[in-house]
mmCIF file of all heavy atoms, coordinates in Angstrom:
data_MODEL
# 
_entry.id   MODEL 
# 
loop_
_atom_site.group_PDB 
_atom_site.id 
_atom_site.type_symbol 
_atom_site.label_atom_id 
_atom_site.label_alt_id 
_atom_site.label_comp_id 
_atom_site.label_asym_id 
_atom_site.label_entity_id 
_atom_site.label_seq_id 
_atom_site.pdbx_PDB_ins_code 
_atom_site.Cartn_x 
_atom_site.Cartn_y 
_atom_site.Cartn_z 
_atom_site.occupancy 
_atom_site.B_iso_or_equiv 
_atom_site.pdbx_formal_charge 
_atom_site.auth_seq_id 
_atom_site.auth_comp_id 
_atom_site.auth_asym_id 
_atom_site.auth_atom_id 
_atom_site.pdbx_PDB_model_num 
ATOM 1   N N   . LYS A 1 1  ? 1.152   13.614  5.812  1.00 0.00 ? 1  LYS A N   1 
ATOM 2   C CA  . LYS A 1 1  ? 0.911   14.960  5.379  1.00 0.00 ? 1  LYS A CA  1 
ATOM 3   C C   . LYS A 1 1  ? 2.270   15.722  5.254  1.00 0.00 ? 1  LYS A C   1 
ATOM 4   O O   . LYS A 1 1  ? 2.411   16.667  4.474  1.00 0.00 ? 1  LYS A O   1 
ATOM 5   C CB  . LYS A 1 1  ? -0.130  15.739  6.170  1.00 0.00 ? 1  LYS A CB  1 
ATOM 6   C CG  . LYS A 1 1  ? -1.539  15.183  6.037  1.00 0.00 ? 1  LYS A CG  1 
ATOM 7   C CD  . LYS A 1 1  ? -2.453  16.060  6.864  1.00 0.00 ? 1  LYS A CD  1 
ATOM 8   C CE  . LYS A 1 1  ? -2.703  17.368  6.324  1.00 0.00 ? 1  LYS A CE  1 
ATOM 9   N NZ  . LYS A 1 1  ? -3.772  18.114  7.020  1.00 0.00 ? 1  LYS A NZ  1 
ATOM 10  N N   . LEU A 1 2  ? 3.147   15.349  6.096  1.00 0.00 ? 2  LEU A N   1 
ATOM 11  C CA  . LEU A 1 2  ? 4.450   16.101  6.121  1.00 0.00 ? 2  LEU A CA  1 
ATOM 12  C C   . LEU A 1 2  ? 5.591   15.503  5.226  1.00 0.00 ? 2  LEU A C   1 
ATOM 13  O O   . LEU A 1 2  ? 6.335   16.199  4.668  1.00 0.00 ? 2  LEU A O   1 
ATOM 14  C CB  . LEU A 1 2  ? 5.034   16.140  7.598  1.00 0.00 ? 2  LEU A CB  1 
ATOM 15  C CG  . LEU A 1 2  ? 4.107   16.762  8.677  1.00 0.00 ? 2  LEU A CG  1 
ATOM 16  C CD1 . LEU A 1 2  ? 4.685   16.574  10.026 1.00 0.00 ? 2  LEU A CD1 1 
ATOM 17  C CD2 . LEU A 1 2  ? 3.946   18.258  8.304  1.00 0.00 ? 2  LEU A CD2 1 
ATOM 18  N N   . ASP A 1 3  ? 5.623   14.157  5.172  1.00 0.00 ? 3  ASP A N   1 
ATOM 19  C CA  . ASP A 1 3  ? 6.619   13.447  4.409  1.00 0.00 ? 3  ASP A CA  1 
ATOM 20  C C   . ASP A 1 3  ? 6.157   13.244  3.012  1.00 0.00 ? 3  ASP A C   1 
ATOM 21  O O   . ASP A 1 3  ? 5.417   12.316  2.681  1.00 0.00 ? 3  ASP A O   1 
ATOM 22  C CB  . ASP A 1 3  ? 6.938   12.099  5.097  1.00 0.00 ? 3  ASP A CB  1 
ATOM 23  C CG  . ASP A 1 3  ? 8.095   11.342  4.444  1.00 0.00 ? 3  ASP A CG  1 
ATOM 24  O OD1 . ASP A 1 3  ? 8.619   11.872  3.456  1.00 0.00 ? 3  ASP A OD1 1 
ATOM 25  O OD2 . ASP A 1 3  ? 8.492   10.284  5.003  1.00 0.00 ? 3  ASP A OD2 1 
ATOM 26  N N   . LYS A 1 4  ? 6.584   14.122  2.124  1.00 0.00 ? 4  LYS A N   1 
ATOM 27  C CA  . LYS A 1 4  ? 6.096   14.126  0.740  1.00 0.00 ? 4  LYS A CA  1 
ATOM 28  C C   . LYS A 1 4  ? 6.551   12.915  -0.030 1.00 0.00 ? 4  LYS A C   1 
ATOM 29  O O   . LYS A 1 4  ? 5.864   12.497  -0.958 1.00 0.00 ? 4  LYS A O   1 
ATOM 30  C CB  . LYS A 1 4  ? 6.604   15.371  0.064  1.00 0.00 ? 4  LYS A CB  1 
ATOM 31  C CG  . LYS A 1 4  ? 6.198   16.728  0.686  1.00 0.00 ? 4  LYS A CG  1 
ATOM 32  C CD  . LYS A 1 4  ? 4.709   16.812  0.886  1.00 0.00 ? 4  LYS A CD  1 
ATOM 33  C CE  . LYS A 1 4  ? 4.277   18.119  1.511  1.00 0.00 ? 4  LYS A CE  1 
ATOM 34  N NZ  . LYS A 1 4  ? 2.885   18.171  1.800  1.00 0.00 ? 4  LYS A NZ  1 
ATOM 35  N N   . GLY A 1 5  ? 7.644   12.279  0.346  1.00 0.00 ? 5  GLY A N   1 
ATOM 36  C CA  . GLY A 1 5  ? 8.086   11.079  -0.320 1.00 0.00 ? 5  GLY A CA  1 
ATOM 37  C C   . GLY A 1 5  ? 7.419   9.816   0.169  1.00 0.00 ? 5  GLY A C   1 
ATOM 38  O O   . GLY A 1 5  ? 7.670   8.747   -0.353 1.00 0.00 ? 5  GLY A O   1 
ATOM 39  N N   . ALA A 1 6  ? 6.699   9.877   1.312  1.00 0.00 ? 6  ALA A N   1 
ATOM 40  C CA  . ALA A 1 6  ? 6.102   8.773   1.978  1.00 0.00 ? 6  ALA A CA  1 
ATOM 41  C C   . ALA A 1 6  ? 5.156   8.013   1.085  1.00 0.00 ? 6  ALA A C   1 
ATOM 42  O O   . ALA A 1 6  ? 5.099   6.761   1.064  1.00 0.00 ? 6  ALA A O   1 
ATOM 43  C CB  . ALA A 1 6  ? 5.427   9.173   3.270  1.00 0.00 ? 6  ALA A CB  1 
ATOM 44  N N   . VAL A 1 7  ? 4.340   8.720   0.340  1.00 0.00 ? 7  VAL A N   1 
ATOM 45  C CA  . VAL A 1 7  ? 3.284   8.073   -0.535 1.00 0.00 ? 7  VAL A CA  1 
ATOM 46  C C   . VAL A 1 7  ? 3.979   7.266   -1.565 1.00 0.00 ? 7  VAL A C   1 
ATOM 47  O O   . VAL A 1 7  ? 3.648   6.050   -1.831 1.00 0.00 ? 7  VAL A O   1 
ATOM 48  C CB  . VAL A 1 7  ? 2.453   9.175   -1.203 1.00 0.00 ? 7  VAL A CB  1 
ATOM 49  C CG1 . VAL A 1 7  ? 1.480   8.514   -2.185 1.00 0.00 ? 7  VAL A CG1 1 
ATOM 50  C CG2 . VAL A 1 7  ? 1.652   9.880   -0.169 1.00 0.00 ? 7  VAL A CG2 1 
ATOM 51  N N   . LYS A 1 8  ? 4.987   7.771   -2.214 1.00 0.00 ? 8  LYS A N   1 
ATOM 52  C CA  . LYS A 1 8  ? 5.696   7.017   -3.239 1.00 0.00 ? 8  LYS A CA  1 
ATOM 53  C C   . LYS A 1 8  ? 6.471   5.852   -2.715 1.00 0.00 ? 8  LYS A C   1 
ATOM 54  O O   . LYS A 1 8  ? 6.300   4.741   -3.303 1.00 0.00 ? 8  LYS A O   1 
ATOM 55  C CB  . LYS A 1 8  ? 6.700   7.955   -3.973 1.00 0.00 ? 8  LYS A CB  1 
ATOM 56  C CG  . LYS A 1 8  ? 7.442   7.277   -5.140 1.00 0.00 ? 8  LYS A CG  1 
ATOM 57  C CD  . LYS A 1 8  ? 8.475   8.192   -5.807 1.00 0.00 ? 8  LYS A CD  1 
ATOM 58  C CE  . LYS A 1 8  ? 9.186   7.465   -6.945 1.00 0.00 ? 8  LYS A CE  1 
ATOM 59  N NZ  . LYS A 1 8  ? 10.161  8.410   -7.578 1.00 0.00 ? 8  LYS A NZ  1 
ATOM 60  N N   . ARG A 1 9  ? 7.040   5.919   -1.587 1.00 0.00 ? 9  ARG A N   1 
ATOM 61  C CA  . ARG A 1 9  ? 7.783   4.820   -0.956 1.00 0.00 ? 9  ARG A CA  1 
ATOM 62  C C   . ARG A 1 9  ? 6.804   3.717   -0.542 1.00 0.00 ? 9  ARG A C   1 
ATOM 63  O O   . ARG A 1 9  ? 7.014   2.543   -0.733 1.00 0.00 ? 9  ARG A O   1 
ATOM 64  C CB  . ARG A 1 9  ? 8.492   5.232   0.259  1.00 0.00 ? 9  ARG A CB  1 
ATOM 65  C CG  . ARG A 1 9  ? 9.754   6.131   -0.067 1.00 0.00 ? 9  ARG A CG  1 
ATOM 66  C CD  . ARG A 1 9  ? 10.724  6.214   1.144  1.00 0.00 ? 9  ARG A CD  1 
ATOM 67  N NE  . ARG A 1 9  ? 10.036  6.732   2.352  1.00 0.00 ? 9  ARG A NE  1 
ATOM 68  C CZ  . ARG A 1 9  ? 9.867   8.008   2.706  1.00 0.00 ? 9  ARG A CZ  1 
ATOM 69  N NH1 . ARG A 1 9  ? 10.304  8.969   1.921  1.00 0.00 ? 9  ARG A NH1 1 
ATOM 70  N NH2 . ARG A 1 9  ? 9.295   8.391   3.839  1.00 0.00 ? 9  ARG A NH2 1 
ATOM 71  N N   . GLU A 1 10 ? 5.666   4.108   0.046  1.00 0.00 ? 10 GLU A N   1 
ATOM 72  C CA  . GLU A 1 10 ? 4.656   3.195   0.454  1.00 0.00 ? 10 GLU A CA  1 
ATOM 73  C C   . GLU A 1 10 ? 4.083   2.470   -0.779 1.00 0.00 ? 10 GLU A C   1 
ATOM 74  O O   . GLU A 1 10 ? 3.774   1.249   -0.719 1.00 0.00 ? 10 GLU A O   1 
ATOM 75  C CB  . GLU A 1 10 ? 3.599   3.853   1.264  1.00 0.00 ? 10 GLU A CB  1 
ATOM 76  C CG  . GLU A 1 10 ? 2.599   2.840   1.966  1.00 0.00 ? 10 GLU A CG  1 
ATOM 77  C CD  . GLU A 1 10 ? 3.253   1.990   2.966  1.00 0.00 ? 10 GLU A CD  1 
ATOM 78  O OE1 . GLU A 1 10 ? 4.344   2.272   3.466  1.00 0.00 ? 10 GLU A OE1 1 
ATOM 79  O OE2 . GLU A 1 10 ? 2.656   0.919   3.303  1.00 0.00 ? 10 GLU A OE2 1 
ATOM 80  N N   . ALA A 1 11 ? 3.821   3.113   -1.824 1.00 0.00 ? 11 ALA A N   1 
ATOM 81  C CA  . ALA A 1 11 ? 3.275   2.620   -3.032 1.00 0.00 ? 11 ALA A CA  1 
ATOM 82  C C   . ALA A 1 11 ? 4.219   1.549   -3.656 1.00 0.00 ? 11 ALA A C   1 
ATOM 83  O O   . ALA A 1 11 ? 3.802   0.477   -4.091 1.00 0.00 ? 11 ALA A O   1 
ATOM 84  C CB  . ALA A 1 11 ? 2.986   3.720   -4.094 1.00 0.00 ? 11 ALA A CB  1 
ATOM 85  N N   . GLU A 1 12 ? 5.446   1.811   -3.629 1.00 0.00 ? 12 GLU A N   1 
ATOM 86  C CA  . GLU A 1 12 ? 6.410   0.900   -4.156 1.00 0.00 ? 12 GLU A CA  1 
ATOM 87  C C   . GLU A 1 12 ? 6.485   -0.375  -3.310 1.00 0.00 ? 12 GLU A C   1 
ATOM 88  O O   . GLU A 1 12 ? 6.594   -1.576  -3.772 1.00 0.00 ? 12 GLU A O   1 
ATOM 89  C CB  . GLU A 1 12 ? 7.817   1.501   -4.186 1.00 0.00 ? 12 GLU A CB  1 
ATOM 90  C CG  . GLU A 1 12 ? 7.951   2.570   -5.201 1.00 0.00 ? 12 GLU A CG  1 
ATOM 91  C CD  . GLU A 1 12 ? 9.259   3.357   -5.145 1.00 0.00 ? 12 GLU A CD  1 
ATOM 92  O OE1 . GLU A 1 12 ? 10.073  3.139   -4.163 1.00 0.00 ? 12 GLU A OE1 1 
ATOM 93  O OE2 . GLU A 1 12 ? 9.562   4.095   -6.044 1.00 0.00 ? 12 GLU A OE2 1 
ATOM 94  N N   . LYS A 1 13 ? 6.284   -0.195  -1.958 1.00 0.00 ? 13 LYS A N   1 
ATOM 95  C CA  . LYS A 1 13 ? 6.342   -1.317  -1.049 1.00 0.00 ? 13 LYS A CA  1 
ATOM 96  C C   . LYS A 1 13 ? 5.103   -2.182  -1.230 1.00 0.00 ? 13 LYS A C   1 
ATOM 97  O O   . LYS A 1 13 ? 5.165   -3.420  -1.208 1.00 0.00 ? 13 LYS A O   1 
ATOM 98  C CB  . LYS A 1 13 ? 6.431   -0.828  0.351  1.00 0.00 ? 13 LYS A CB  1 
ATOM 99  C CG  . LYS A 1 13 ? 6.597   -1.907  1.424  1.00 0.00 ? 13 LYS A CG  1 
ATOM 100 C CD  . LYS A 1 13 ? 6.344   -1.463  2.870  1.00 0.00 ? 13 LYS A CD  1 
ATOM 101 C CE  . LYS A 1 13 ? 7.115   -0.235  3.207  1.00 0.00 ? 13 LYS A CE  1 
ATOM 102 N NZ  . LYS A 1 13 ? 6.930   0.140   4.611  1.00 0.00 ? 13 LYS A NZ  1 
ATOM 103 N N   . ILE A 1 14 ? 3.927   -1.503  -1.440 1.00 0.00 ? 14 ILE A N   1 
ATOM 104 C CA  . ILE A 1 14 ? 2.657   -2.259  -1.616 1.00 0.00 ? 14 ILE A CA  1 
ATOM 105 C C   . ILE A 1 14 ? 2.698   -2.949  -2.922 1.00 0.00 ? 14 ILE A C   1 
ATOM 106 O O   . ILE A 1 14 ? 2.196   -4.127  -3.028 1.00 0.00 ? 14 ILE A O   1 
ATOM 107 C CB  . ILE A 1 14 ? 1.484   -1.252  -1.504 1.00 0.00 ? 14 ILE A CB  1 
ATOM 108 C CG1 . ILE A 1 14 ? 1.290   -0.818  -0.107 1.00 0.00 ? 14 ILE A CG1 1 
ATOM 109 C CG2 . ILE A 1 14 ? 0.241   -1.875  -2.037 1.00 0.00 ? 14 ILE A CG2 1 
ATOM 110 C CD1 . ILE A 1 14 ? 0.273   0.293   0.129  1.00 0.00 ? 14 ILE A CD1 1 
ATOM 111 N N   . SER A 1 15 ? 3.085   -2.380  -3.989 1.00 0.00 ? 15 SER A N   1 
ATOM 112 C CA  . SER A 1 15 ? 3.139   -2.991  -5.286 1.00 0.00 ? 15 SER A CA  1 
ATOM 113 C C   . SER A 1 15 ? 4.042   -4.271  -5.357 1.00 0.00 ? 15 SER A C   1 
ATOM 114 O O   . SER A 1 15 ? 3.796   -5.184  -6.130 1.00 0.00 ? 15 SER A O   1 
ATOM 115 C CB  . SER A 1 15 ? 3.596   -2.024  -6.410 1.00 0.00 ? 15 SER A CB  1 
ATOM 116 O OG  . SER A 1 15 ? 2.699   -0.932  -6.579 1.00 0.00 ? 15 SER A OG  1 
ATOM 117 N N   . ALA A 1 16 ? 5.004   -4.286  -4.442 1.00 0.00 ? 16 ALA A N   1 
ATOM 118 C CA  . ALA A 1 16 ? 5.948   -5.494  -4.409 1.00 0.00 ? 16 ALA A CA  1 
ATOM 119 C C   . ALA A 1 16 ? 5.351   -6.684  -3.612 1.00 0.00 ? 16 ALA A C   1 
ATOM 120 O O   . ALA A 1 16 ? 5.907   -7.724  -3.573 1.00 0.00 ? 16 ALA A O   1 
ATOM 121 C CB  . ALA A 1 16 ? 7.259   -5.043  -3.777 1.00 0.00 ? 16 ALA A CB  1 
ATOM 122 N N   . LYS A 1 17 ? 4.212   -6.475  -3.062 1.00 0.00 ? 17 LYS A N   1 
ATOM 123 C CA  . LYS A 1 17 ? 3.638   -7.608  -2.203 1.00 0.00 ? 17 LYS A CA  1 
ATOM 124 C C   . LYS A 1 17 ? 3.166   -8.717  -3.140 1.00 0.00 ? 17 LYS A C   1 
ATOM 125 O O   . LYS A 1 17 ? 2.755   -8.579  -4.238 1.00 0.00 ? 17 LYS A O   1 
ATOM 126 C CB  . LYS A 1 17 ? 2.469   -7.062  -1.401 1.00 0.00 ? 17 LYS A CB  1 
ATOM 127 C CG  . LYS A 1 17 ? 2.804   -6.083  -0.337 1.00 0.00 ? 17 LYS A CG  1 
ATOM 128 C CD  . LYS A 1 17 ? 1.493   -5.604  0.424  1.00 0.00 ? 17 LYS A CD  1 
ATOM 129 C CE  . LYS A 1 17 ? 1.937   -4.643  1.548  1.00 0.00 ? 17 LYS A CE  1 
ATOM 130 N NZ  . LYS A 1 17 ? 2.552   -5.355  2.643  1.00 0.00 ? 17 LYS A NZ  1 
ATOM 131 N N   . GLU A 1 18 ? 3.240   -9.928  -2.508 1.00 0.00 ? 18 GLU A N   1 
ATOM 132 C CA  . GLU A 1 18 ? 2.778   -11.119 -3.242 1.00 0.00 ? 18 GLU A CA  1 
ATOM 133 C C   . GLU A 1 18 ? 1.251   -11.059 -3.446 1.00 0.00 ? 18 GLU A C   1 
ATOM 134 O O   . GLU A 1 18 ? 0.531   -10.376 -2.749 1.00 0.00 ? 18 GLU A O   1 
ATOM 135 C CB  . GLU A 1 18 ? 3.082   -12.407 -2.472 1.00 0.00 ? 18 GLU A CB  1 
ATOM 136 C CG  . GLU A 1 18 ? 4.632   -12.634 -2.285 1.00 0.00 ? 18 GLU A CG  1 
ATOM 137 C CD  . GLU A 1 18 ? 4.920   -13.873 -1.528 1.00 0.00 ? 18 GLU A CD  1 
ATOM 138 O OE1 . GLU A 1 18 ? 3.979   -14.660 -1.249 1.00 0.00 ? 18 GLU A OE1 1 
ATOM 139 O OE2 . GLU A 1 18 ? 6.075   -13.988 -1.064 1.00 0.00 ? 18 GLU A OE2 1 
ATOM 140 N N   . ASP A 1 19 ? 0.794   -11.855 -4.425 1.00 0.00 ? 19 ASP A N   1 
ATOM 141 C CA  . ASP A 1 19 ? -0.639  -11.900 -4.711 1.00 0.00 ? 19 ASP A CA  1 
ATOM 142 C C   . ASP A 1 19 ? -1.378  -12.422 -3.453 1.00 0.00 ? 19 ASP A C   1 
ATOM 143 O O   . ASP A 1 19 ? -0.940  -13.255 -2.710 1.00 0.00 ? 19 ASP A O   1 
ATOM 144 C CB  . ASP A 1 19 ? -0.969  -12.831 -5.871 1.00 0.00 ? 19 ASP A CB  1 
ATOM 145 C CG  . ASP A 1 19 ? -0.417  -12.238 -7.194 1.00 0.00 ? 19 ASP A CG  1 
ATOM 146 O OD1 . ASP A 1 19 ? 0.023   -10.989 -7.182 1.00 0.00 ? 19 ASP A OD1 1 
ATOM 147 O OD2 . ASP A 1 19 ? -0.361  -13.003 -8.189 1.00 0.00 ? 19 ASP A OD2 1 
ATOM 148 N N   . PHE A 1 20 ? -2.610  -11.975 -3.247 1.00 0.00 ? 20 PHE A N   1 
ATOM 149 C CA  . PHE A 1 20 ? -3.435  -12.340 -2.183 1.00 0.00 ? 20 PHE A CA  1 
ATOM 150 C C   . PHE A 1 20 ? -4.462  -13.383 -2.652 1.00 0.00 ? 20 PHE A C   1 
ATOM 151 O O   . PHE A 1 20 ? -4.805  -13.459 -3.882 1.00 0.00 ? 20 PHE A O   1 
ATOM 152 C CB  . PHE A 1 20 ? -4.269  -11.138 -1.576 1.00 0.00 ? 20 PHE A CB  1 
ATOM 153 C CG  . PHE A 1 20 ? -3.352  -10.204 -0.829 1.00 0.00 ? 20 PHE A CG  1 
ATOM 154 C CD1 . PHE A 1 20 ? -2.837  -9.125  -1.454 1.00 0.00 ? 20 PHE A CD1 1 
ATOM 155 C CD2 . PHE A 1 20 ? -3.086  -10.427 0.480  1.00 0.00 ? 20 PHE A CD2 1 
ATOM 156 C CE1 . PHE A 1 20 ? -2.023  -8.224  -0.749 1.00 0.00 ? 20 PHE A CE1 1 
ATOM 157 C CE2 . PHE A 1 20 ? -2.321  -9.545  1.200  1.00 0.00 ? 20 PHE A CE2 1 
ATOM 158 C CZ  . PHE A 1 20 ? -1.746  -8.472  0.582  1.00 0.00 ? 20 PHE A CZ  1 
ATOM 159 N N   . ASP A 1 21 ? -4.889  -14.230 -1.662 1.00 0.00 ? 21 ASP A N   1 
ATOM 160 C CA  . ASP A 1 21 ? -6.085  -15.024 -2.019 1.00 0.00 ? 21 ASP A CA  1 
ATOM 161 C C   . ASP A 1 21 ? -7.288  -14.299 -1.902 1.00 0.00 ? 21 ASP A C   1 
ATOM 162 O O   . ASP A 1 21 ? -8.297  -14.407 -2.701 1.00 0.00 ? 21 ASP A O   1 
ATOM 163 C CB  . ASP A 1 21 ? -6.051  -16.248 -1.035 1.00 0.00 ? 21 ASP A CB  1 
ATOM 164 C CG  . ASP A 1 21 ? -4.820  -17.211 -1.235 1.00 0.00 ? 21 ASP A CG  1 
ATOM 165 O OD1 . ASP A 1 21 ? -4.562  -17.545 -2.419 1.00 0.00 ? 21 ASP A OD1 1 
ATOM 166 O OD2 . ASP A 1 21 ? -4.214  -17.551 -0.260 1.00 0.00 ? 21 ASP A OD2 1 
ATOM 167 N N   . VAL A 1 22 ? -7.444  -13.450 -0.774 1.00 0.00 ? 22 VAL A N   1 
ATOM 168 C CA  . VAL A 1 22 ? -8.581  -12.622 -0.556 1.00 0.00 ? 22 VAL A CA  1 
ATOM 169 C C   . VAL A 1 22 ? -8.067  -11.240 -0.229 1.00 0.00 ? 22 VAL A C   1 
ATOM 170 O O   . VAL A 1 22 ? -7.264  -11.071 0.670  1.00 0.00 ? 22 VAL A O   1 
ATOM 171 C CB  . VAL A 1 22 ? -9.494  -13.178 0.626  1.00 0.00 ? 22 VAL A CB  1 
ATOM 172 C CG1 . VAL A 1 22 ? -10.526 -12.088 0.937  1.00 0.00 ? 22 VAL A CG1 1 
ATOM 173 C CG2 . VAL A 1 22 ? -10.123 -14.486 0.238  1.00 0.00 ? 22 VAL A CG2 1 
ATOM 174 N N   . LEU A 1 23 ? -8.559  -10.206 -0.973 1.00 0.00 ? 23 LEU A N   1 
ATOM 175 C CA  . LEU A 1 23 ? -8.221  -8.864  -0.617 1.00 0.00 ? 23 LEU A CA  1 
ATOM 176 C C   . LEU A 1 23 ? -9.519  -8.056  -0.265 1.00 0.00 ? 23 LEU A C   1 
ATOM 177 O O   . LEU A 1 23 ? -10.382 -8.134  -1.165 1.00 0.00 ? 23 LEU A O   1 
ATOM 178 C CB  . LEU A 1 23 ? -7.463  -8.175  -1.808 1.00 0.00 ? 23 LEU A CB  1 
ATOM 179 C CG  . LEU A 1 23 ? -7.030  -6.769  -1.585 1.00 0.00 ? 23 LEU A CG  1 
ATOM 180 C CD1 . LEU A 1 23 ? -6.040  -6.648  -0.496 1.00 0.00 ? 23 LEU A CD1 1 
ATOM 181 C CD2 . LEU A 1 23 ? -6.438  -6.137  -2.854 1.00 0.00 ? 23 LEU A CD2 1 
ATOM 182 N N   . ILE A 1 24 ? -9.529  -7.480  0.822  1.00 0.00 ? 24 ILE A N   1 
ATOM 183 C CA  . ILE A 1 24 ? -10.774 -6.742  1.268  1.00 0.00 ? 24 ILE A CA  1 
ATOM 184 C C   . ILE A 1 24 ? -10.573 -5.265  1.146  1.00 0.00 ? 24 ILE A C   1 
ATOM 185 O O   . ILE A 1 24 ? -9.527  -4.732  1.669  1.00 0.00 ? 24 ILE A O   1 
ATOM 186 C CB  . ILE A 1 24 ? -11.124 -7.110  2.755  1.00 0.00 ? 24 ILE A CB  1 
ATOM 187 C CG1 . ILE A 1 24 ? -11.382 -8.591  2.829  1.00 0.00 ? 24 ILE A CG1 1 
ATOM 188 C CG2 . ILE A 1 24 ? -12.311 -6.337  3.201  1.00 0.00 ? 24 ILE A CG2 1 
ATOM 189 C CD1 . ILE A 1 24 ? -10.894 -9.200  4.036  1.00 0.00 ? 24 ILE A CD1 1 
ATOM 190 N N   . VAL A 1 25 ? -11.384 -4.568  0.453  1.00 0.00 ? 25 VAL A N   1 
ATOM 191 C CA  . VAL A 1 25 ? -11.357 -3.102  0.299  1.00 0.00 ? 25 VAL A CA  1 
ATOM 192 C C   . VAL A 1 25 ? -12.325 -2.562  1.303  1.00 0.00 ? 25 VAL A C   1 
ATOM 193 O O   . VAL A 1 25 ? -13.550 -2.566  1.164  1.00 0.00 ? 25 VAL A O   1 
ATOM 194 C CB  . VAL A 1 25 ? -11.699 -2.653  -1.129 1.00 0.00 ? 25 VAL A CB  1 
ATOM 195 C CG1 . VAL A 1 25 ? -11.696 -1.139  -1.192 1.00 0.00 ? 25 VAL A CG1 1 
ATOM 196 C CG2 . VAL A 1 25 ? -10.786 -3.296  -2.138 1.00 0.00 ? 25 VAL A CG2 1 
ATOM 197 N N   . GLY A 1 26 ? -11.787 -1.900  2.302  1.00 0.00 ? 26 GLY A N   1 
ATOM 198 C CA  . GLY A 1 26 ? -12.559 -1.314  3.452  1.00 0.00 ? 26 GLY A CA  1 
ATOM 199 C C   . GLY A 1 26 ? -12.182 -1.913  4.773  1.00 0.00 ? 26 GLY A C   1 
ATOM 200 O O   . GLY A 1 26 ? -12.011 -3.173  4.838  1.00 0.00 ? 26 GLY A O   1 
ATOM 201 N N   . GLY A 1 27 ? -11.995 -1.025  5.777  1.00 0.00 ? 27 GLY A N   1 
ATOM 202 C CA  . GLY A 1 27 ? -11.483 -1.504  7.048  1.00 0.00 ? 27 GLY A CA  1 
ATOM 203 C C   . GLY A 1 27 ? -12.419 -1.262  8.166  1.00 0.00 ? 27 GLY A C   1 
ATOM 204 O O   . GLY A 1 27 ? -11.975 -1.132  9.320  1.00 0.00 ? 27 GLY A O   1 
ATOM 205 N N   . GLY A 1 28 ? -13.721 -1.163  7.951  1.00 0.00 ? 28 GLY A N   1 
ATOM 206 C CA  . GLY A 1 28 ? -14.737 -0.913  8.982  1.00 0.00 ? 28 GLY A CA  1 
ATOM 207 C C   . GLY A 1 28 ? -15.099 -2.343  9.583  1.00 0.00 ? 28 GLY A C   1 
ATOM 208 O O   . GLY A 1 28 ? -14.355 -3.306  9.350  1.00 0.00 ? 28 GLY A O   1 
# 
């Protein structure tokens, strides 16, 4: 909430990840 550039930096890092075999949406 404080670091306004954090979202963009994290998005770039996530987009650079290799393809997954299984990706789960939801962490419950």
